[in-house]
Amino acid sequence: MARTLLLMLLLAPGAVRGEAPPERAVIEAVQRLFDAMAAGDGGAAREVLLPGGTYRAVRQDGTVSGGTHEEFAGRLAKGGETLLERMWNPKVLIDGRLAVLWTEYDFHRGGKFSHCGVDAFNLVNTAGGWKIAGFTYTVETAGCRPSPLGPPAGTNHFKRP
C-alpha cells in the first residue's frame, strides 16, 4: 500500500518538478496583491495586475464604484493608513489560461475592522505567471461573521458591527 501511495504521488502532475498545484499559484497571485496593499506598494500591485483591467466595489445599498487597475495601484502608492485584507476558504476554478478565485474576506484600515464581503477575481495565466485581469468585491459593514482567522496580529480587540 505504501508503494502504491508513493507511486501515485510521483505520478501526480508537477510532483517530479516540485511545482505547486495551479490552484495554489492562483491564490498566491491574489495574496501578492493583498501584500502590496499592506505595504502601500503600487509597483508591487502593478506586477500582479494586468494593464487595462478594472475593479468594482458593490456596496450594501446597491451602489457600484470602481476604476482602473492603474488608479488602484496609484492610490496605494500615495500611502496613508495601513491596509490589511485577509481571505479564507478560497474557491478556484481553472480552465487553461483562465482562472476565477472566489473568497470571503475581511478588511482592516489603520488597524481597525472596516468591512467584510466576498471577492471575485478573474485571472489570466501569462508568460509572467497568473495576473489579475479584473476583480469585483462586496462591501458589507454590518452582519459580518467573525473570520475563522481570528483577530489580526497586533490587535488587542476584534470588534465587528
Protein backbone atom coordinates (compact mmCIF):
# COMPACT_ATOMS: atom_id res chain seq x y z
CA MET A 1 0.00 0.00 0.00
CA ALA A 2 2.82 2.42 0.86
CA ARG A 3 4.44 1.70 -2.50
CA THR A 4 1.16 2.42 -4.31
CA LEU A 5 0.80 5.73 -2.47
CA LEU A 6 4.38 6.70 -3.33
CA LEU A 7 3.80 5.83 -6.98
CA MET A 8 0.61 7.94 -7.06
CA LEU A 9 2.46 10.90 -5.57
CA LEU A 10 5.29 10.60 -8.05
CA LEU A 11 2.92 10.39 -10.99
CA ALA A 12 0.90 13.41 -9.85
CA PRO A 13 1.31 16.35 -12.25
CA GLY A 14 4.20 18.53 -11.19
CA ALA A 15 5.41 16.17 -8.45
CA VAL A 16 8.69 15.39 -10.17
CA ARG A 17 9.37 19.04 -10.96
CA GLY A 18 8.28 20.21 -7.50
CA GLU A 19 5.63 22.55 -8.91
CA ALA A 20 2.79 23.91 -6.81
CA PRO A 21 -0.72 22.93 -7.86
CA PRO A 22 -2.19 25.53 -10.23
CA GLU A 23 -4.87 26.49 -7.68
CA ARG A 24 -2.16 27.46 -5.21
CA ALA A 25 -0.47 29.66 -7.83
CA VAL A 26 -3.78 31.50 -8.40
CA ILE A 27 -4.25 32.06 -4.66
CA GLU A 28 -0.64 33.27 -4.36
CA ALA A 29 -1.21 35.82 -7.14
CA VAL A 30 -4.15 37.32 -5.24
CA GLN A 31 -2.17 37.21 -2.00
CA ARG A 32 0.60 39.22 -3.72
CA LEU A 33 -1.98 41.94 -4.36
CA PHE A 34 -3.03 41.88 -0.70
CA ASP A 35 0.64 42.07 0.34
CA ALA A 36 1.16 45.07 -1.97
CA MET A 37 -1.87 46.74 -0.38
CA ALA A 38 -0.47 46.14 3.12
CA ALA A 39 2.89 47.57 2.07
CA GLY A 40 1.35 50.55 0.26
CA ASP A 41 3.38 49.44 -2.76
CA GLY A 42 1.76 50.48 -6.04
CA GLY A 43 4.65 48.99 -8.03
CA ALA A 44 4.16 45.57 -6.47
CA ALA A 45 0.42 45.80 -7.20
CA ARG A 46 1.15 46.64 -10.86
CA GLU A 47 3.26 43.47 -11.12
CA VAL A 48 0.20 41.28 -10.49
CA LEU A 49 -2.50 43.46 -12.12
CA LEU A 50 -2.96 43.27 -15.90
CA PRO A 51 -2.81 46.69 -17.56
CA GLY A 52 -6.22 47.85 -18.70
CA GLY A 53 -8.04 45.88 -16.03
CA THR A 54 -10.75 47.23 -13.77
CA TYR A 55 -12.17 46.71 -10.31
CA ARG A 56 -15.66 47.23 -8.88
CA ALA A 57 -16.98 47.57 -5.34
CA VAL A 58 -20.62 46.68 -4.72
CA ARG A 59 -21.99 48.29 -1.56
CA GLN A 60 -24.88 47.03 0.58
CA ASP A 61 -27.17 49.76 -0.77
CA GLY A 62 -26.52 48.57 -4.33
CA THR A 63 -24.22 51.38 -5.42
CA VAL A 64 -21.27 50.32 -7.54
CA SER A 65 -17.97 52.18 -7.74
CA GLY A 66 -14.55 51.35 -9.06
CA GLY A 67 -11.89 52.27 -11.51
CA THR A 68 -8.87 51.02 -13.39
CA HIS A 69 -6.03 48.92 -12.09
CA GLU A 70 -3.71 51.88 -12.63
CA GLU A 71 -5.90 54.09 -10.43
CA PHE A 72 -5.98 51.37 -7.78
CA ALA A 73 -2.18 50.98 -7.77
CA GLY A 74 -1.72 54.75 -7.80
CA ARG A 75 -3.81 55.15 -4.64
CA LEU A 76 -1.69 52.52 -2.89
CA ALA A 77 1.48 54.41 -3.76
CA LYS A 78 0.13 57.55 -2.07
CA GLY A 79 0.29 55.79 1.28
CA GLY A 80 -1.97 56.67 4.15
CA GLU A 81 -3.50 54.24 6.58
CA THR A 82 -2.26 50.68 6.91
CA LEU A 83 -4.44 48.27 4.93
CA LEU A 84 -4.98 44.60 5.70
CA GLU A 85 -7.14 42.29 3.62
CA ARG A 86 -7.43 38.63 4.57
CA MET A 87 -9.14 35.84 2.65
CA TRP A 88 -10.30 32.41 3.70
CA ASN A 89 -11.84 29.35 2.05
CA PRO A 90 -10.87 30.45 -1.48
CA LYS A 91 -12.54 28.56 -4.30
CA VAL A 92 -10.53 28.38 -7.52
CA LEU A 93 -11.74 27.32 -10.96
CA ILE A 94 -9.22 26.93 -13.78
CA ASP A 95 -9.63 26.20 -17.46
CA GLY A 96 -6.40 26.50 -19.40
CA ARG A 97 -5.13 30.05 -19.02
CA LEU A 98 -8.29 31.39 -17.33
CA ALA A 99 -8.98 31.23 -13.61
CA VAL A 100 -11.56 32.58 -11.18
CA LEU A 101 -10.95 32.93 -7.44
CA TRP A 102 -13.97 33.49 -5.17
CA THR A 103 -13.36 34.04 -1.46
CA GLU A 104 -14.72 35.56 1.70
CA TYR A 105 -12.58 38.33 3.16
CA ASP A 106 -12.26 40.92 5.87
CA PHE A 107 -10.65 44.31 5.54
CA HIS A 108 -8.92 46.41 8.18
CA ARG A 109 -7.87 50.04 7.81
CA GLY A 110 -5.47 51.62 10.26
CA GLY A 111 -5.58 48.52 12.46
CA LYS A 112 -9.38 48.64 12.81
CA PHE A 113 -12.04 46.49 11.21
CA SER A 114 -13.60 48.28 8.23
CA HIS A 115 -15.77 45.77 6.37
CA CYS A 116 -16.13 42.24 5.07
CA GLY A 117 -17.52 40.64 1.96
CA VAL A 118 -16.78 38.43 -0.99
CA ASP A 119 -14.00 38.92 -3.55
CA ALA A 120 -14.29 37.61 -7.11
CA PHE A 121 -11.05 37.73 -9.12
CA ASN A 122 -10.60 36.91 -12.80
CA LEU A 123 -7.04 35.88 -13.65
CA VAL A 124 -5.10 35.08 -16.81
CA ASN A 125 -2.02 32.87 -16.94
CA THR A 126 0.58 34.91 -18.84
CA ALA A 127 4.24 34.30 -19.64
CA GLY A 128 4.92 36.08 -16.33
CA GLY A 129 2.53 33.88 -14.33
CA TRP A 130 -1.02 34.47 -13.12
CA LYS A 131 -2.15 38.10 -13.44
CA ILE A 132 -5.38 39.67 -12.22
CA ALA A 133 -7.48 40.78 -15.20
CA GLY A 134 -10.21 42.28 -13.02
CA PHE A 135 -11.93 41.97 -9.69
CA THR A 136 -15.22 42.74 -8.01
CA TYR A 137 -15.97 42.72 -4.32
CA THR A 138 -18.87 43.32 -1.98
CA VAL A 139 -18.57 45.79 0.88
CA GLU A 140 -20.54 44.84 3.97
CA THR A 141 -20.20 46.92 7.12
CA ALA A 142 -22.83 45.11 9.17
CA GLY A 143 -23.70 41.48 9.73
CA CYS A 144 -20.17 40.21 9.17
CA ARG A 145 -19.42 36.77 10.53
CA PRO A 146 -16.21 36.57 12.56
CA SER A 147 -13.25 35.49 10.48
CA PRO A 148 -12.04 31.94 11.06
CA LEU A 149 -8.55 33.51 11.01
CA GLY A 150 -9.23 35.21 14.34
CA PRO A 151 -8.09 38.73 15.16
CA PRO A 152 -5.35 40.22 13.01
CA ALA A 153 -1.86 40.07 14.51
CA GLY A 154 -1.03 43.05 16.65
CA THR A 155 -4.59 43.95 17.62
CA ASN A 156 -5.96 43.82 21.14
CA HIS A 157 -9.58 43.56 20.12
CA PHE A 158 -11.69 42.35 17.27
CA LYS A 159 -14.96 44.23 17.10
CA ARG A 160 -17.48 43.73 14.38
CA PRO A 161 -20.57 45.84 13.88
